[in-house]
Amino acid sequence: MQPARAGNLLEMAQQIPDPRGRQGRRFSLSAMLATVICGILCGARGYEAIAGWLAVQEPKVAYAITSVPRVQAGAAKLLGWWRGH
């Protein structure tokens, strides 16, 4: 059996339908899923730990995952992803 070809995480996440309504789409679902997956793989447990993990990444890493510039300055907004604010 041949192993499956690895894909691009963001491309895979973009294939998942977003069940949220228009008003609930401040951040893309694919960016949120990629953030959660990367944070968990790096040891973060829980939404606050995941947002904290993202907030301490180099700007180019955070931007590559989220496409949101200056993520560190907006860590509170990232927490809103999971709190529904």
N, C-alpha and C. Protein backbone atom coordinates (compact mmCIF):
# COMPACT_ATOMS: atom_id res chain seq x y z
N MET A 1 0.84 -1.17 0.00
CA MET A 1 0.00 0.00 0.00
C MET A 1 0.89 1.24 0.00
N GLN A 2 0.59 2.17 -0.86
CA GLN A 2 1.31 3.43 -0.95
C GLN A 2 0.70 4.45 0.02
N PRO A 3 1.54 5.23 0.70
CA PRO A 3 0.98 6.26 1.59
C PRO A 3 0.28 7.35 0.76
N ALA A 4 -0.71 7.94 1.36
CA ALA A 4 -1.42 9.04 0.70
C ALA A 4 -0.51 10.24 0.56
N ARG A 5 -0.69 10.97 -0.52
CA ARG A 5 0.10 12.17 -0.75
C ARG A 5 -0.32 13.25 0.24
N ALA A 6 0.66 13.87 0.85
CA ALA A 6 0.36 14.97 1.78
C ALA A 6 -0.14 16.17 0.99
N GLY A 7 -1.09 16.87 1.54
CA GLY A 7 -1.64 18.04 0.87
C GLY A 7 -1.34 19.30 1.65
N ASN A 8 -1.83 20.38 1.16
CA ASN A 8 -1.70 21.68 1.80
C ASN A 8 -2.82 21.83 2.82
N LEU A 9 -2.47 22.11 4.07
CA LEU A 9 -3.46 22.20 5.14
C LEU A 9 -4.54 23.23 4.83
N LEU A 10 -4.16 24.40 4.37
CA LEU A 10 -5.16 25.44 4.08
C LEU A 10 -6.07 25.03 2.92
N GLU A 11 -5.51 24.38 1.91
CA GLU A 11 -6.33 23.92 0.79
C GLU A 11 -7.33 22.86 1.25
N MET A 12 -6.89 21.98 2.12
CA MET A 12 -7.80 20.96 2.66
C MET A 12 -8.90 21.61 3.49
N ALA A 13 -8.53 22.57 4.34
CA ALA A 13 -9.51 23.23 5.20
C ALA A 13 -10.51 24.03 4.38
N GLN A 14 -10.10 24.57 3.25
CA GLN A 14 -11.00 25.35 2.41
C GLN A 14 -12.08 24.50 1.76
N GLN A 15 -11.90 23.20 1.75
CA GLN A 15 -12.90 22.30 1.16
C GLN A 15 -14.03 21.98 2.13
N ILE A 16 -13.87 22.34 3.39
CA ILE A 16 -14.90 22.08 4.39
C ILE A 16 -15.95 23.19 4.34
N PRO A 17 -17.22 22.83 4.14
CA PRO A 17 -18.26 23.86 4.07
C PRO A 17 -18.40 24.61 5.39
N ASP A 18 -18.61 25.90 5.29
CA ASP A 18 -18.76 26.75 6.46
C ASP A 18 -20.25 26.84 6.81
N PRO A 19 -20.67 26.29 7.96
CA PRO A 19 -22.09 26.30 8.31
C PRO A 19 -22.58 27.62 8.91
N ARG A 20 -21.67 28.56 9.13
CA ARG A 20 -22.07 29.82 9.77
C ARG A 20 -22.83 30.71 8.81
N GLY A 21 -23.66 31.56 9.38
CA GLY A 21 -24.36 32.56 8.57
C GLY A 21 -23.41 33.66 8.16
N ARG A 22 -23.85 34.54 7.27
CA ARG A 22 -22.98 35.63 6.79
C ARG A 22 -22.45 36.50 7.92
N GLN A 23 -23.27 36.79 8.91
CA GLN A 23 -22.86 37.68 9.99
C GLN A 23 -21.82 37.03 10.90
N GLY A 24 -21.70 35.73 10.88
CA GLY A 24 -20.75 35.05 11.74
C GLY A 24 -19.44 34.74 11.08
N ARG A 25 -19.12 35.40 9.98
CA ARG A 25 -17.92 35.07 9.21
C ARG A 25 -16.87 36.16 9.25
N ARG A 26 -16.49 36.59 10.43
CA ARG A 26 -15.45 37.62 10.55
C ARG A 26 -14.10 37.07 10.07
N PHE A 27 -13.82 35.81 10.42
CA PHE A 27 -12.59 35.13 10.00
C PHE A 27 -12.99 33.90 9.20
N SER A 28 -12.16 33.53 8.25
CA SER A 28 -12.49 32.37 7.43
C SER A 28 -12.41 31.09 8.26
N LEU A 29 -13.28 30.15 7.94
CA LEU A 29 -13.28 28.87 8.63
C LEU A 29 -11.96 28.14 8.40
N SER A 30 -11.42 28.22 7.19
CA SER A 30 -10.16 27.52 6.91
C SER A 30 -9.02 28.07 7.76
N ALA A 31 -8.98 29.37 7.99
CA ALA A 31 -7.94 29.96 8.84
C ALA A 31 -8.11 29.50 10.28
N MET A 32 -9.35 29.44 10.76
CA MET A 32 -9.58 28.98 12.12
C MET A 32 -9.20 27.52 12.29
N LEU A 33 -9.59 26.69 11.33
CA LEU A 33 -9.25 25.27 11.42
C LEU A 33 -7.74 25.04 11.36
N ALA A 34 -7.06 25.74 10.47
CA ALA A 34 -5.60 25.60 10.37
C ALA A 34 -4.93 26.05 11.66
N THR A 35 -5.44 27.12 12.26
CA THR A 35 -4.89 27.61 13.52
C THR A 35 -5.07 26.57 14.62
N VAL A 36 -6.25 26.00 14.71
CA VAL A 36 -6.53 24.99 15.73
C VAL A 36 -5.63 23.77 15.52
N ILE A 37 -5.53 23.29 14.31
CA ILE A 37 -4.72 22.11 14.03
C ILE A 37 -3.25 22.36 14.36
N CYS A 38 -2.71 23.48 13.90
CA CYS A 38 -1.30 23.79 14.18
C CYS A 38 -1.05 23.98 15.67
N GLY A 39 -1.96 24.68 16.35
CA GLY A 39 -1.81 24.90 17.78
C GLY A 39 -1.82 23.59 18.56
N ILE A 40 -2.74 22.71 18.23
CA ILE A 40 -2.82 21.42 18.91
C ILE A 40 -1.58 20.59 18.64
N LEU A 41 -1.12 20.58 17.39
CA LEU A 41 0.10 19.83 17.06
C LEU A 41 1.32 20.36 17.81
N CYS A 42 1.27 21.63 18.20
CA CYS A 42 2.38 22.23 18.96
C CYS A 42 2.15 22.17 20.47
N GLY A 43 1.10 21.48 20.90
CA GLY A 43 0.90 21.26 22.32
C GLY A 43 -0.14 22.12 23.00
N ALA A 44 -0.76 23.04 22.30
CA ALA A 44 -1.77 23.90 22.91
C ALA A 44 -3.04 23.09 23.15
N ARG A 45 -3.65 23.29 24.29
CA ARG A 45 -4.89 22.60 24.63
C ARG A 45 -5.92 23.64 25.06
N GLY A 46 -7.00 23.75 24.32
CA GLY A 46 -8.04 24.73 24.63
C GLY A 46 -7.90 25.98 23.77
N TYR A 47 -9.00 26.68 23.59
CA TYR A 47 -8.99 27.83 22.67
C TYR A 47 -8.09 28.96 23.14
N GLU A 48 -8.01 29.20 24.45
CA GLU A 48 -7.13 30.28 24.91
C GLU A 48 -5.67 29.93 24.67
N ALA A 49 -5.30 28.67 24.88
CA ALA A 49 -3.92 28.24 24.62
C ALA A 49 -3.60 28.30 23.13
N ILE A 50 -4.56 27.97 22.30
CA ILE A 50 -4.34 28.02 20.85
C ILE A 50 -4.16 29.47 20.40
N ALA A 51 -5.01 30.37 20.87
CA ALA A 51 -4.87 31.79 20.53
C ALA A 51 -3.55 32.34 21.07
N GLY A 52 -3.18 31.91 22.27
CA GLY A 52 -1.90 32.34 22.84
C GLY A 52 -0.72 31.82 22.04
N TRP A 53 -0.83 30.58 21.58
CA TRP A 53 0.23 30.00 20.73
C TRP A 53 0.38 30.83 19.45
N LEU A 54 -0.73 31.16 18.82
CA LEU A 54 -0.68 31.93 17.58
C LEU A 54 -0.11 33.32 17.83
N ALA A 55 -0.46 33.92 18.95
CA ALA A 55 -0.03 35.28 19.25
C ALA A 55 1.48 35.40 19.44
N VAL A 56 2.17 34.31 19.79
CA VAL A 56 3.62 34.39 19.99
C VAL A 56 4.42 33.91 18.78
N GLN A 57 3.73 33.56 17.71
CA GLN A 57 4.44 33.14 16.50
C GLN A 57 5.02 34.37 15.78
N GLU A 58 6.05 34.12 15.02
CA GLU A 58 6.59 35.21 14.18
C GLU A 58 5.49 35.68 13.25
N PRO A 59 5.48 36.96 12.92
CA PRO A 59 4.42 37.49 12.05
C PRO A 59 4.26 36.72 10.75
N LYS A 60 5.36 36.29 10.14
CA LYS A 60 5.23 35.58 8.86
C LYS A 60 4.56 34.22 9.03
N VAL A 61 4.75 33.58 10.18
CA VAL A 61 4.11 32.29 10.45
C VAL A 61 2.62 32.51 10.68
N ALA A 62 2.29 33.46 11.53
CA ALA A 62 0.88 33.75 11.82
C ALA A 62 0.14 34.18 10.56
N TYR A 63 0.77 35.00 9.73
CA TYR A 63 0.13 35.45 8.49
C TYR A 63 -0.06 34.29 7.52
N ALA A 64 0.90 33.37 7.47
CA ALA A 64 0.79 32.22 6.57
C ALA A 64 -0.41 31.34 6.93
N ILE A 65 -0.71 31.27 8.22
CA ILE A 65 -1.83 30.45 8.67
C ILE A 65 -3.16 31.18 8.52
N THR A 66 -3.20 32.45 8.89
CA THR A 66 -4.48 33.16 9.00
C THR A 66 -4.76 34.17 7.90
N SER A 67 -3.73 34.65 7.22
CA SER A 67 -3.84 35.75 6.27
C SER A 67 -4.31 37.04 6.95
N VAL A 68 -4.11 37.12 8.28
CA VAL A 68 -4.46 38.31 9.04
C VAL A 68 -3.16 38.98 9.47
N PRO A 69 -2.89 40.20 8.97
CA PRO A 69 -1.65 40.87 9.38
C PRO A 69 -1.66 41.25 10.85
N ARG A 70 -0.50 41.26 11.45
CA ARG A 70 -0.31 41.68 12.85
C ARG A 70 -1.22 40.92 13.81
N VAL A 71 -1.14 39.61 13.75
CA VAL A 71 -1.96 38.76 14.61
C VAL A 71 -1.66 39.01 16.08
N GLN A 72 -0.39 39.26 16.42
CA GLN A 72 -0.03 39.45 17.82
C GLN A 72 -0.82 40.60 18.44
N ALA A 73 -1.00 41.67 17.70
CA ALA A 73 -1.73 42.82 18.22
C ALA A 73 -3.21 42.52 18.38
N GLY A 74 -3.70 41.52 17.67
CA GLY A 74 -5.13 41.20 17.72
C GLY A 74 -5.45 39.89 18.40
N ALA A 75 -4.63 39.47 19.37
CA ALA A 75 -4.87 38.19 20.04
C ALA A 75 -6.24 38.14 20.70
N ALA A 76 -6.71 39.27 21.20
CA ALA A 76 -8.04 39.30 21.83
C ALA A 76 -9.12 38.98 20.80
N LYS A 77 -8.94 39.45 19.58
CA LYS A 77 -9.90 39.14 18.52
C LYS A 77 -9.90 37.66 18.20
N LEU A 78 -8.71 37.05 18.27
CA LEU A 78 -8.62 35.63 18.00
C LEU A 78 -9.40 34.83 19.03
N LEU A 79 -9.36 35.26 20.28
CA LEU A 79 -10.15 34.59 21.31
C LEU A 79 -11.63 34.68 21.00
N GLY A 80 -12.03 35.74 20.33
CA GLY A 80 -13.43 35.90 19.94
C GLY A 80 -13.89 34.85 18.94
N TRP A 81 -12.96 34.23 18.23
CA TRP A 81 -13.32 33.15 17.30
C TRP A 81 -14.11 32.08 18.03
N TRP A 82 -13.63 31.72 19.21
CA TRP A 82 -14.24 30.61 19.93
C TRP A 82 -15.28 31.07 20.93
N ARG A 83 -15.21 32.30 21.38
CA ARG A 83 -16.18 32.79 22.36
C ARG A 83 -17.44 33.33 21.70
N GLY A 84 -17.39 33.53 20.40
CA GLY A 84 -18.56 34.01 19.69
C GLY A 84 -18.79 35.50 19.78
N HIS A 85 -17.74 36.28 20.08
CA HIS A 85 -17.89 37.74 20.17
C HIS A 85 -17.57 38.39 18.86
